[in-house]
C-alpha atoms as a PDB file:
ATOM      1  CA  MET A   1       0.000   0.000   0.000  1.00  0.00           C
ATOM      2  CA  ASP A   2       1.699   3.161  -1.191  1.00  0.00           C
ATOM      3  CA  GLN A   3      -1.010   5.727  -0.579  1.00  0.00           C
ATOM      4  CA  VAL A   4      -3.504   6.448   2.188  1.00  0.00           C
ATOM      5  CA  ARG A   5      -6.272   9.012   1.743  1.00  0.00           C
ATOM      6  CA  TYR A   6      -8.460  10.713   4.314  1.00  0.00           C
ATOM      7  CA  THR A   7     -11.433  13.014   3.972  1.00  0.00           C
ATOM      8  CA  PRO A   8     -11.809  15.765   6.594  1.00  0.00           C
ATOM      9  CA  ILE A   9     -14.778  15.373   8.921  1.00  0.00           C
ATOM     10  CA  GLY A  10     -14.767  19.070   9.757  1.00  0.00           C
ATOM     11  CA  TYR A  11     -12.679  22.191  10.184  1.00  0.00           C
ATOM     12  CA  ILE A  12     -11.219  24.334  12.964  1.00  0.00           C
ATOM     13  CA  SER A  13     -12.524  27.830  13.624  1.00  0.00           C
ATOM     14  CA  SER A  14      -9.718  29.632  15.419  1.00  0.00           C
ATOM     15  CA  PRO A  15      -8.601  33.176  16.245  1.00  0.00           C
ATOM     16  CA  PHE A  16      -5.237  32.340  14.616  1.00  0.00           C
ATOM     17  CA  THR A  17      -5.299  33.204  10.911  1.00  0.00           C
ATOM     18  CA  LYS A  18      -1.645  32.284  10.338  1.00  0.00           C
ATOM     19  CA  PRO A  19       0.834  30.023  12.134  1.00  0.00           C
ATOM     20  CA  GLU A  20       3.220  32.816  13.168  1.00  0.00           C
ATOM     21  CA  GLY A  21       2.449  34.002  16.701  1.00  0.00           C
ATOM     22  CA  MET A  22       0.240  31.014  17.488  1.00  0.00           C
ATOM     23  CA  PRO A  23       0.890  28.915  20.614  1.00  0.00           C
ATOM     24  CA  ILE A  24       2.925  25.824  19.755  1.00  0.00           C
ATOM     25  CA  GLN A  25       1.132  23.516  22.215  1.00  0.00           C
ATOM     26  CA  PRO A  26      -2.200  23.578  24.104  1.00  0.00           C
ATOM     27  CA  ALA A  27      -0.263  24.227  27.349  1.00  0.00           C
ATOM     28  CA  GLY A  28       0.631  27.665  25.950  1.00  0.00           C
ATOM     29  CA  ALA A  29      -2.909  28.337  24.700  1.00  0.00           C
ATOM     30  CA  GLU A  30      -4.776  28.459  27.999  1.00  0.00           C
ATOM     31  CA  ASN A  31      -8.269  29.956  27.569  1.00  0.00           C
ATOM     32  CA  VAL A  32      -7.889  30.376  23.787  1.00  0.00           C
ATOM     33  CA  LYS A  33     -11.351  29.542  22.469  1.00  0.00           C
ATOM     34  CA  GLY A  34     -12.406  28.117  19.143  1.00  0.00           C
ATOM     35  CA  GLU A  35     -14.668  25.597  17.514  1.00  0.00           C
ATOM     36  CA  VAL A  36     -14.618  22.356  15.621  1.00  0.00           C
ATOM     37  CA  ILE A  37     -17.253  22.639  12.927  1.00  0.00           C
ATOM     38  CA  LEU A  38     -18.138  19.090  12.003  1.00  0.00           C
ATOM     39  CA  LYS A  39     -19.702  18.278   8.651  1.00  0.00           C
ATOM     40  CA  GLU A  40     -23.395  17.687   9.333  1.00  0.00           C
ATOM     41  CA  GLU A  41     -23.309  14.088   8.103  1.00  0.00           C
ATOM     42  CA  TYR A  42     -21.031  13.218  11.069  1.00  0.00           C
ATOM     43  CA  THR A  43     -23.161  14.841  13.804  1.00  0.00           C
ATOM     44  CA  ALA A  44     -24.573  11.515  15.065  1.00  0.00           C
ATOM     45  CA  GLY A  45     -20.999  10.468  15.878  1.00  0.00           C
ATOM     46  CA  LEU A  46     -20.901  13.111  18.640  1.00  0.00           C
ATOM     47  CA  LYS A  47     -23.410  11.171  20.761  1.00  0.00           C
ATOM     48  CA  ASP A  48     -22.088  10.763  24.343  1.00  0.00           C
ATOM     49  CA  LEU A  49     -19.004  12.940  23.726  1.00  0.00           C
ATOM     50  CA  GLU A  50     -20.390  15.695  25.992  1.00  0.00           C
ATOM     51  CA  GLY A  51     -19.433  13.627  29.054  1.00  0.00           C
ATOM     52  CA  PHE A  52     -15.717  14.115  28.345  1.00  0.00           C
ATOM     53  CA  SER A  53     -13.835  17.203  29.519  1.00  0.00           C
ATOM     54  CA  HIS A  54     -11.099  16.906  26.889  1.00  0.00           C
ATOM     55  CA  ILE A  55     -10.805  15.563  23.370  1.00  0.00           C
ATOM     56  CA  ILE A  56      -7.970  14.631  21.034  1.00  0.00           C
ATOM     57  CA  LEU A  57      -8.049  16.315  17.640  1.00  0.00           C
ATOM     58  CA  LEU A  58      -6.172  14.746  14.742  1.00  0.00           C
ATOM     59  CA  CYS A  59      -5.687  17.345  12.031  1.00  0.00           C
ATOM     60  CA  HIS A  60      -4.069  17.788   8.654  1.00  0.00           C
ATOM     61  CA  PHE A  61      -1.462  20.571   8.614  1.00  0.00           C
ATOM     62  CA  HIS A  62      -2.863  22.060   5.410  1.00  0.00           C
ATOM     63  CA  LEU A  63      -0.401  24.971   5.386  1.00  0.00           C
ATOM     64  CA  SER A  64       2.590  22.647   5.556  1.00  0.00           C
ATOM     65  CA  SER A  65       4.400  21.453   2.467  1.00  0.00           C
ATOM     66  CA  GLY A  66       7.596  19.507   2.182  1.00  0.00           C
ATOM     67  CA  PHE A  67       9.668  18.348   5.121  1.00  0.00           C
ATOM     68  CA  GLU A  68      13.160  17.915   6.468  1.00  0.00           C
ATOM     69  CA  LEU A  69      14.201  14.854   8.450  1.00  0.00           C
ATOM     70  CA  GLU A  70      16.239  17.045  10.791  1.00  0.00           C
ATOM     71  CA  VAL A  71      14.817  20.285  12.195  1.00  0.00           C
ATOM     72  CA  VAL A  72      15.485  22.860  14.887  1.00  0.00           C
ATOM     73  CA  PRO A  73      12.278  22.663  16.980  1.00  0.00           C
ATOM     74  CA  PHE A  74      10.583  25.656  18.603  1.00  0.00           C
ATOM     75  CA  LEU A  75      11.707  24.568  22.078  1.00  0.00           C
ATOM     76  CA  ASP A  76      15.365  24.134  21.251  1.00  0.00           C
ATOM     77  CA  GLU A  77      18.288  25.447  19.242  1.00  0.00           C
ATOM     78  CA  THR A  78      19.737  22.039  18.363  1.00  0.00           C
ATOM     79  CA  LEU A  79      19.143  20.102  15.148  1.00  0.00           C
ATOM     80  CA  ARG A  80      16.874  17.130  16.019  1.00  0.00           C
ATOM     81  CA  GLY A  81      15.296  14.279  14.079  1.00  0.00           C
ATOM     82  CA  VAL A  82      11.776  15.314  13.000  1.00  0.00           C
ATOM     83  CA  PHE A  83      10.283  12.234  14.686  1.00  0.00           C
ATOM     84  CA  ALA A  84      11.731  13.400  18.022  1.00  0.00           C
ATOM     85  CA  THR A  85       9.815  16.675  17.664  1.00  0.00           C
ATOM     86  CA  ARG A  86       6.287  17.896  17.095  1.00  0.00           C
ATOM     87  CA  ALA A  87       7.327  20.096  14.175  1.00  0.00           C
ATOM     88  CA  PRO A  88       4.539  20.669  11.609  1.00  0.00           C
ATOM     89  CA  ARG A  89       6.577  19.991   8.451  1.00  0.00           C
ATOM     90  CA  ARG A  90       6.651  16.185   8.436  1.00  0.00           C
ATOM     91  CA  PRO A  91       6.474  13.376   5.861  1.00  0.00           C
ATOM     92  CA  ASN A  92       2.767  13.062   6.764  1.00  0.00           C
ATOM     93  CA  PRO A  93       1.640  16.474   8.068  1.00  0.00           C
ATOM     94  CA  ILE A  94      -0.681  15.199  10.786  1.00  0.00           C
ATOM     95  CA  GLY A  95      -1.160  17.137  14.009  1.00  0.00           C
ATOM     96  CA  LEU A  96      -2.429  15.984  17.372  1.00  0.00           C
ATOM     97  CA  SER A  97      -3.845  18.335  19.984  1.00  0.00           C
ATOM     98  CA  VAL A  98      -5.611  17.693  23.298  1.00  0.00           C
ATOM     99  CA  VAL A  99      -8.137  20.471  23.908  1.00  0.00           C
ATOM    100  CA  LYS A 100     -10.787  21.193  26.515  1.00  0.00           C
ATOM    101  CA  LEU A 101     -14.350  20.488  25.350  1.00  0.00           C
ATOM    102  CA  THR A 102     -16.711  23.076  26.870  1.00  0.00           C
ATOM    103  CA  GLU A 103     -19.968  22.335  25.033  1.00  0.00           C
ATOM    104  CA  ILE A 104     -21.553  20.853  21.941  1.00  0.00           C
ATOM    105  CA  HIS A 105     -24.320  22.483  19.888  1.00  0.00           C
ATOM    106  CA  ASP A 106     -25.541  20.346  17.008  1.00  0.00           C
ATOM    107  CA  ASN A 107     -22.427  19.839  14.838  1.00  0.00           C
ATOM    108  CA  VAL A 108     -20.264  22.485  16.569  1.00  0.00           C
ATOM    109  CA  LEU A 109     -17.852  21.619  19.370  1.00  0.00           C
ATOM    110  CA  HIS A 110     -16.793  24.580  21.511  1.00  0.00           C
ATOM    111  CA  ILE A 111     -13.229  24.111  22.688  1.00  0.00           C
ATOM    112  CA  GLU A 112     -10.511  25.861  24.705  1.00  0.00           C
ATOM    113  CA  ASN A 113      -6.710  25.754  24.882  1.00  0.00           C
ATOM    114  CA  LEU A 114      -6.608  25.845  21.091  1.00  0.00           C
ATOM    115  CA  ASP A 115      -3.238  25.827  19.320  1.00  0.00           C
ATOM    116  CA  ILE A 116      -4.468  25.245  15.760  1.00  0.00           C
ATOM    117  CA  VAL A 117      -4.718  27.692  12.848  1.00  0.00           C
ATOM    118  CA  ASP A 118      -8.120  28.679  11.425  1.00  0.00           C
ATOM    119  CA  GLY A 119      -9.406  26.459   8.616  1.00  0.00           C
ATOM    120  CA  THR A 120      -7.339  23.413   9.561  1.00  0.00           C
ATOM    121  CA  PRO A 121      -9.049  20.198   8.389  1.00  0.00           C
ATOM    122  CA  VAL A 122     -10.017  17.794  11.194  1.00  0.00           C
ATOM    123  CA  LEU A 123      -9.399  14.117  10.405  1.00  0.00           C
ATOM    124  CA  ASP A 124     -10.707  12.561  13.620  1.00  0.00           C
ATOM    125  CA  ILE A 125     -11.902  13.277  17.152  1.00  0.00           C
ATOM    126  CA  LYS A 126     -11.279  10.957  20.083  1.00  0.00           C
ATOM    127  CA  PRO A 127     -12.131  11.279  23.783  1.00  0.00           C
ATOM    128  CA  TYR A 128      -9.115  11.958  25.964  1.00  0.00           C
ATOM    129  CA  VAL A 129      -8.843   9.316  28.685  1.00  0.00           C
ATOM    130  CA  PRO A 130      -5.623   9.734  30.705  1.00  0.00           C
ATOM    131  CA  GLY A 131      -5.763   6.251  32.191  1.00  0.00           C
ATOM    132  CA  PHE A 132      -5.763   4.572  28.783  1.00  0.00           C
ATOM    133  CA  ALA A 133      -2.082   5.302  28.231  1.00  0.00           C
ATOM    134  CA  GLY A 134      -1.260   3.534  31.487  1.00  0.00           C
ATOM    135  CA  GLU A 135       2.363   4.555  31.270  1.00  0.00           C
ATOM    136  CA  GLU A 136       4.571   5.157  34.284  1.00  0.00           C
ATOM    137  CA  ASN A 137       8.196   6.254  34.397  1.00  0.00           C
ATOM    138  CA  VAL A 138       7.834   8.248  31.182  1.00  0.00           C
ATOM    139  CA  ARG A 139      10.977   9.849  29.734  1.00  0.00           C
ATOM    140  CA  THR A 140      10.725  12.935  27.544  1.00  0.00           C
ATOM    141  CA  GLY A 141      14.133  12.840  25.867  1.00  0.00           C
ATOM    142  CA  TRP A 142      15.722  16.185  25.024  1.00  0.00           C
ATOM    143  CA  LEU A 143      12.631  17.998  26.361  1.00  0.00           C
ATOM    144  CA  GLU A 144      13.617  17.082  29.935  1.00  0.00           C
ATOM    145  CA  GLN A 145      16.126  19.935  29.728  1.00  0.00           C
ATOM    146  CA  THR A 146      13.430  22.434  28.684  1.00  0.00           C
ATOM    147  CA  ASP A 147      12.130  24.775  31.363  1.00  0.00           C
ATOM    148  CA  GLU A 148       8.397  25.383  31.896  1.00  0.00           C
ATOM    149  CA  GLU A 149       8.528  28.921  30.511  1.00  0.00           C
ATOM    150  CA  GLN A 150       9.504  27.641  27.067  1.00  0.00           C
ATOM    151  CA  PHE A 151       6.191  25.806  26.717  1.00  0.00           C
ATOM    152  CA  ASN A 152       4.560  29.229  26.346  1.00  0.00           C
ATOM    153  CA  ARG A 153       6.574  30.060  23.222  1.00  0.00           C
ATOM    154  CA  LYS A 154       4.742  31.105  20.091  1.00  0.00           C
ATOM    155  CA  SER A 155       5.164  29.828  16.558  1.00  0.00           C
ATOM    156  CA  ASP A 156       7.452  31.634  14.154  1.00  0.00           C
ATOM    157  CA  ASP A 157       8.147  31.118  10.461  1.00  0.00           C
ATOM    158  CA  ARG A 158      10.904  28.496  10.768  1.00  0.00           C
ATOM    159  CA  PHE A 159       8.750  25.716   9.265  1.00  0.00           C
ATOM    160  CA  ARG A 160       7.402  27.676   6.309  1.00  0.00           C
ATOM    161  CA  SER A 161       8.341  26.326   2.920  1.00  0.00           C
ATOM    162  CA  ASP A 162       9.928  28.589   0.303  1.00  0.00           C
ATOM    163  CA  ARG A 163       6.591  28.624  -1.507  1.00  0.00           C
ATOM    164  CA  GLU A 164       4.723  29.889   1.558  1.00  0.00           C
ATOM    165  CA  ALA A 165       7.420  32.447   2.311  1.00  0.00           C
ATOM    166  CA  SER A 166       6.965  33.941  -1.165  1.00  0.00           C
ATOM    167  CA  GLY A 167       3.255  34.501  -0.464  1.00  0.00           C
ATOM    168  CA  GLN A 168       1.954  31.464  -2.343  1.00  0.00           C
ATOM    169  CA  SER A 169      -0.107  28.825  -0.590  1.00  0.00           C
ATOM    170  CA  ASP A 170      -2.394  25.914  -1.371  1.00  0.00           C
END
């Protein structure tokens, strides 16, 4: 199997119209509000989701094109392997974000702690259940040397492709 295709189930409505200046993780996006606008044909799939305080959003980084296997991540100044980072320019530009679910109205999920740019396609929604991971003694690699303040950093243009930098986009 050489190719996998997904169809978005909805889109993000966010106060961030471009990646630059956006929080790089939900931890740095406290109280930032937005919405997941689900396509109406998927509304029935939201049944029972209102009982969860947080959800996992899997998204397609639609503004990302191309990738490098080694990058300098936002939280560091050292060249790292892309799979040891959460950098947006990846072989498969898929993002994961855990956000707070505040309410659901029909096909619209109201969320907080949003670190996703406006218009981002949503591929899937899953309930966040901390006990499911079941992991103890977790190591966080090079991030163990990162202080708490750095988690509040904002995005810059380091992961923009040449095409985006010249004002062209998809």
